[in-house]
Amino acid sequence: RMITGVPDHVDGRMLGITEAAGGRIINRDRMWHYVEGIKNWAPIWTEHAIRILPGPSSIWLDARGKRLPVPLYPGFDTLATLSHIMSTGFDYSWFILTRKIIQKEFALSASEQNPDLTGKSWRQVLG
């Protein structure tokens, strides 16, 4: 089950258009997975996801409750992490944290979840 961080109309078509216009495409064979994604509770498009940006204190477990091995830290090696998670036979994992950790270290990478940044309010950004 795949969730996505881009709207339905973002389908890769611009790669061919870019090449036809003389642009150079690199790493065409690669995809960028955010294995720290969760389903958006207020979706704007089909299977809309939000990437979790956890801090260093959360514990990341696979679906069976086993800690992900080093160096599979959030944001470090997403392809290796995806491979590991899928090798468990499940398509999900768990972040274990406290309310205090969420308040200090947690962010969501979606503009609608970050009005302090999108609203251009330094007062909100600085907390």
C-alpha atoms as a PDB file:
ATOM      1  CA  ARG A   1       0.000   0.000   0.000  1.00  0.00           C
ATOM      2  CA  MET A   2       1.582   3.223  -1.142  1.00  0.00           C
ATOM      3  CA  ILE A   3       0.800   6.746  -0.027  1.00  0.00           C
ATOM      4  CA  THR A   4       2.123   9.752  -1.894  1.00  0.00           C
ATOM      5  CA  GLY A   5       3.484  13.182  -1.150  1.00  0.00           C
ATOM      6  CA  VAL A   6       2.496  14.661  -4.500  1.00  0.00           C
ATOM      7  CA  PRO A   7      -0.855  15.396  -6.189  1.00  0.00           C
ATOM      8  CA  ASP A   8      -2.329  13.000  -8.761  1.00  0.00           C
ATOM      9  CA  HIS A   9      -1.236  15.161 -11.715  1.00  0.00           C
ATOM     10  CA  VAL A  10       2.452  14.713 -10.798  1.00  0.00           C
ATOM     11  CA  ASP A  11       3.058  11.614 -12.904  1.00  0.00           C
ATOM     12  CA  GLY A  12       6.584  11.987 -14.282  1.00  0.00           C
ATOM     13  CA  ARG A  13       5.413  13.341 -17.644  1.00  0.00           C
ATOM     14  CA  MET A  14       7.612  16.421 -17.241  1.00  0.00           C
ATOM     15  CA  LEU A  15      10.742  14.251 -17.463  1.00  0.00           C
ATOM     16  CA  GLY A  16      10.114  13.600 -21.170  1.00  0.00           C
ATOM     17  CA  ILE A  17       9.105  17.207 -21.774  1.00  0.00           C
ATOM     18  CA  THR A  18      12.310  18.383 -20.093  1.00  0.00           C
ATOM     19  CA  GLU A  19      14.446  16.063 -22.231  1.00  0.00           C
ATOM     20  CA  ALA A  20      12.654  17.170 -25.407  1.00  0.00           C
ATOM     21  CA  ALA A  21      13.481  20.772 -24.489  1.00  0.00           C
ATOM     22  CA  GLY A  22      17.171  19.891 -24.094  1.00  0.00           C
ATOM     23  CA  GLY A  23      17.241  19.363 -20.346  1.00  0.00           C
ATOM     24  CA  ARG A  24      19.370  16.603 -18.852  1.00  0.00           C
ATOM     25  CA  ILE A  25      17.743  14.016 -16.584  1.00  0.00           C
ATOM     26  CA  ILE A  26      19.910  12.314 -13.980  1.00  0.00           C
ATOM     27  CA  ASN A  27      19.058   9.323 -11.792  1.00  0.00           C
ATOM     28  CA  ARG A  28      16.017   8.438 -13.883  1.00  0.00           C
ATOM     29  CA  ASP A  29      16.144   4.953 -12.379  1.00  0.00           C
ATOM     30  CA  ARG A  30      15.692   6.197  -8.818  1.00  0.00           C
ATOM     31  CA  MET A  31      12.669   6.957  -6.699  1.00  0.00           C
ATOM     32  CA  TRP A  32      12.736   8.959  -3.496  1.00  0.00           C
ATOM     33  CA  HIS A  33      10.763   7.224  -0.783  1.00  0.00           C
ATOM     34  CA  TYR A  34       9.825   8.812   2.509  1.00  0.00           C
ATOM     35  CA  VAL A  35       9.354   5.780   4.696  1.00  0.00           C
ATOM     36  CA  GLU A  36       8.468   8.090   7.580  1.00  0.00           C
ATOM     37  CA  GLY A  37       5.174   8.996   5.886  1.00  0.00           C
ATOM     38  CA  ILE A  38       1.691   8.818   7.345  1.00  0.00           C
ATOM     39  CA  LYS A  39      -1.692   9.218   5.696  1.00  0.00           C
ATOM     40  CA  ASN A  40      -2.935  12.811   5.821  1.00  0.00           C
ATOM     41  CA  TRP A  41      -5.963  13.151   8.106  1.00  0.00           C
ATOM     42  CA  ALA A  42      -7.295  15.960   5.880  1.00  0.00           C
ATOM     43  CA  PRO A  43      -6.243  14.806   2.378  1.00  0.00           C
ATOM     44  CA  ILE A  44      -6.106  17.179  -0.562  1.00  0.00           C
ATOM     45  CA  TRP A  45      -5.422  14.465  -3.193  1.00  0.00           C
ATOM     46  CA  THR A  46      -5.672  10.678  -3.512  1.00  0.00           C
ATOM     47  CA  GLU A  47      -3.557   8.820  -0.918  1.00  0.00           C
ATOM     48  CA  HIS A  48      -2.190  12.159   0.337  1.00  0.00           C
ATOM     49  CA  ALA A  49       0.654  11.624   2.785  1.00  0.00           C
ATOM     50  CA  ILE A  50       2.676  13.727   5.186  1.00  0.00           C
ATOM     51  CA  ARG A  51       6.299  13.027   6.021  1.00  0.00           C
ATOM     52  CA  ILE A  52       7.152  12.822   9.706  1.00  0.00           C
ATOM     53  CA  LEU A  53      10.342  14.652  10.622  1.00  0.00           C
ATOM     54  CA  PRO A  54      11.181  13.017  13.957  1.00  0.00           C
ATOM     55  CA  GLY A  55      13.971  14.111  16.239  1.00  0.00           C
ATOM     56  CA  PRO A  56      16.672  11.901  17.703  1.00  0.00           C
ATOM     57  CA  SER A  57      14.771  10.705  20.782  1.00  0.00           C
ATOM     58  CA  SER A  58      11.987   8.695  19.138  1.00  0.00           C
ATOM     59  CA  ILE A  59      12.364   4.927  18.821  1.00  0.00           C
ATOM     60  CA  TRP A  60      11.606   3.417  15.403  1.00  0.00           C
ATOM     61  CA  LEU A  61      10.264  -0.133  15.415  1.00  0.00           C
ATOM     62  CA  ASP A  62       9.174  -2.481  12.654  1.00  0.00           C
ATOM     63  CA  ALA A  63       5.648  -3.922  12.665  1.00  0.00           C
ATOM     64  CA  ARG A  64       6.748  -6.775  14.959  1.00  0.00           C
ATOM     65  CA  GLY A  65       8.159  -4.371  17.534  1.00  0.00           C
ATOM     66  CA  LYS A  66      11.846  -4.866  16.716  1.00  0.00           C
ATOM     67  CA  ARG A  67      14.047  -1.791  16.588  1.00  0.00           C
ATOM     68  CA  LEU A  68      15.271  -0.937  13.091  1.00  0.00           C
ATOM     69  CA  PRO A  69      18.961  -1.797  12.738  1.00  0.00           C
ATOM     70  CA  VAL A  70      21.752   0.745  12.442  1.00  0.00           C
ATOM     71  CA  PRO A  71      22.025   2.841  10.269  1.00  0.00           C
ATOM     72  CA  LEU A  72      18.309   2.867   9.424  1.00  0.00           C
ATOM     73  CA  TYR A  73      17.549   6.178  11.105  1.00  0.00           C
ATOM     74  CA  PRO A  74      14.775   8.488   9.911  1.00  0.00           C
ATOM     75  CA  GLY A  75      15.903  10.383   6.830  1.00  0.00           C
ATOM     76  CA  PHE A  76      19.213   8.516   6.490  1.00  0.00           C
ATOM     77  CA  ASP A  77      18.892   5.724   3.906  1.00  0.00           C
ATOM     78  CA  THR A  78      15.299   5.596   2.756  1.00  0.00           C
ATOM     79  CA  LEU A  79      15.737   2.827   0.181  1.00  0.00           C
ATOM     80  CA  ALA A  80      17.470   0.516   2.679  1.00  0.00           C
ATOM     81  CA  THR A  81      14.824   1.346   5.272  1.00  0.00           C
ATOM     82  CA  LEU A  82      12.018   0.628   2.799  1.00  0.00           C
ATOM     83  CA  SER A  83      13.650  -2.683   1.899  1.00  0.00           C
ATOM     84  CA  HIS A  84      13.982  -3.618   5.576  1.00  0.00           C
ATOM     85  CA  ILE A  85      10.406  -2.693   6.455  1.00  0.00           C
ATOM     86  CA  MET A  86       9.008  -4.619   3.476  1.00  0.00           C
ATOM     87  CA  SER A  87      11.168  -7.668   4.334  1.00  0.00           C
ATOM     88  CA  THR A  88       9.172  -8.041   7.560  1.00  0.00           C
ATOM     89  CA  GLY A  89       6.055  -8.936   5.579  1.00  0.00           C
ATOM     90  CA  PHE A  90       4.284  -5.772   6.731  1.00  0.00           C
ATOM     91  CA  ASP A  91       3.966  -2.359   5.103  1.00  0.00           C
ATOM     92  CA  TYR A  92       4.173  -0.221   8.222  1.00  0.00           C
ATOM     93  CA  SER A  93       6.421   0.621  11.165  1.00  0.00           C
ATOM     94  CA  TRP A  94       6.065   2.470  14.471  1.00  0.00           C
ATOM     95  CA  PHE A  95       7.546   5.599  16.018  1.00  0.00           C
ATOM     96  CA  ILE A  96       7.471   5.378  19.811  1.00  0.00           C
ATOM     97  CA  LEU A  97       7.660   8.700  21.606  1.00  0.00           C
ATOM     98  CA  THR A  98       6.196  10.781  24.380  1.00  0.00           C
ATOM     99  CA  ARG A  99       4.197  13.978  24.309  1.00  0.00           C
ATOM    100  CA  LYS A 100       7.305  15.837  25.492  1.00  0.00           C
ATOM    101  CA  ILE A 101       9.329  14.473  22.553  1.00  0.00           C
ATOM    102  CA  ILE A 102       6.557  15.465  20.126  1.00  0.00           C
ATOM    103  CA  GLN A 103       6.501  19.007  21.501  1.00  0.00           C
ATOM    104  CA  LYS A 104      10.288  19.429  21.322  1.00  0.00           C
ATOM    105  CA  GLU A 105      11.430  17.378  18.336  1.00  0.00           C
ATOM    106  CA  PHE A 106       8.589  16.520  15.995  1.00  0.00           C
ATOM    107  CA  ALA A 107       7.556  18.220  12.755  1.00  0.00           C
ATOM    108  CA  LEU A 108       5.427  17.348   9.746  1.00  0.00           C
ATOM    109  CA  SER A 109       6.619  18.264   6.260  1.00  0.00           C
ATOM    110  CA  ALA A 110       3.453  19.614   4.760  1.00  0.00           C
ATOM    111  CA  SER A 111       2.709  23.288   4.361  1.00  0.00           C
ATOM    112  CA  GLU A 112      -0.778  22.996   5.822  1.00  0.00           C
ATOM    113  CA  GLN A 113       0.725  21.532   9.016  1.00  0.00           C
ATOM    114  CA  ASN A 114       3.298  24.322   9.338  1.00  0.00           C
ATOM    115  CA  PRO A 115       1.441  27.653   9.336  1.00  0.00           C
ATOM    116  CA  ASP A 116       4.344  29.218  11.232  1.00  0.00           C
ATOM    117  CA  LEU A 117       6.502  28.821   8.117  1.00  0.00           C
ATOM    118  CA  THR A 118       3.908  29.268   5.394  1.00  0.00           C
ATOM    119  CA  GLY A 119       2.342  32.233   7.174  1.00  0.00           C
ATOM    120  CA  LYS A 120       5.757  33.929   7.270  1.00  0.00           C
ATOM    121  CA  SER A 121       5.468  34.589  10.991  1.00  0.00           C
ATOM    122  CA  TRP A 122       8.851  34.705  12.731  1.00  0.00           C
ATOM    123  CA  ARG A 123       7.055  34.908  16.068  1.00  0.00           C
ATOM    124  CA  GLN A 124       5.383  31.521  15.409  1.00  0.00           C
ATOM    125  CA  VAL A 125       8.588  29.979  14.032  1.00  0.00           C
ATOM    126  CA  LEU A 126      10.578  30.974  17.110  1.00  0.00           C
ATOM    127  CA  GLY A 127       7.822  29.634  19.344  1.00  0.00           C
END
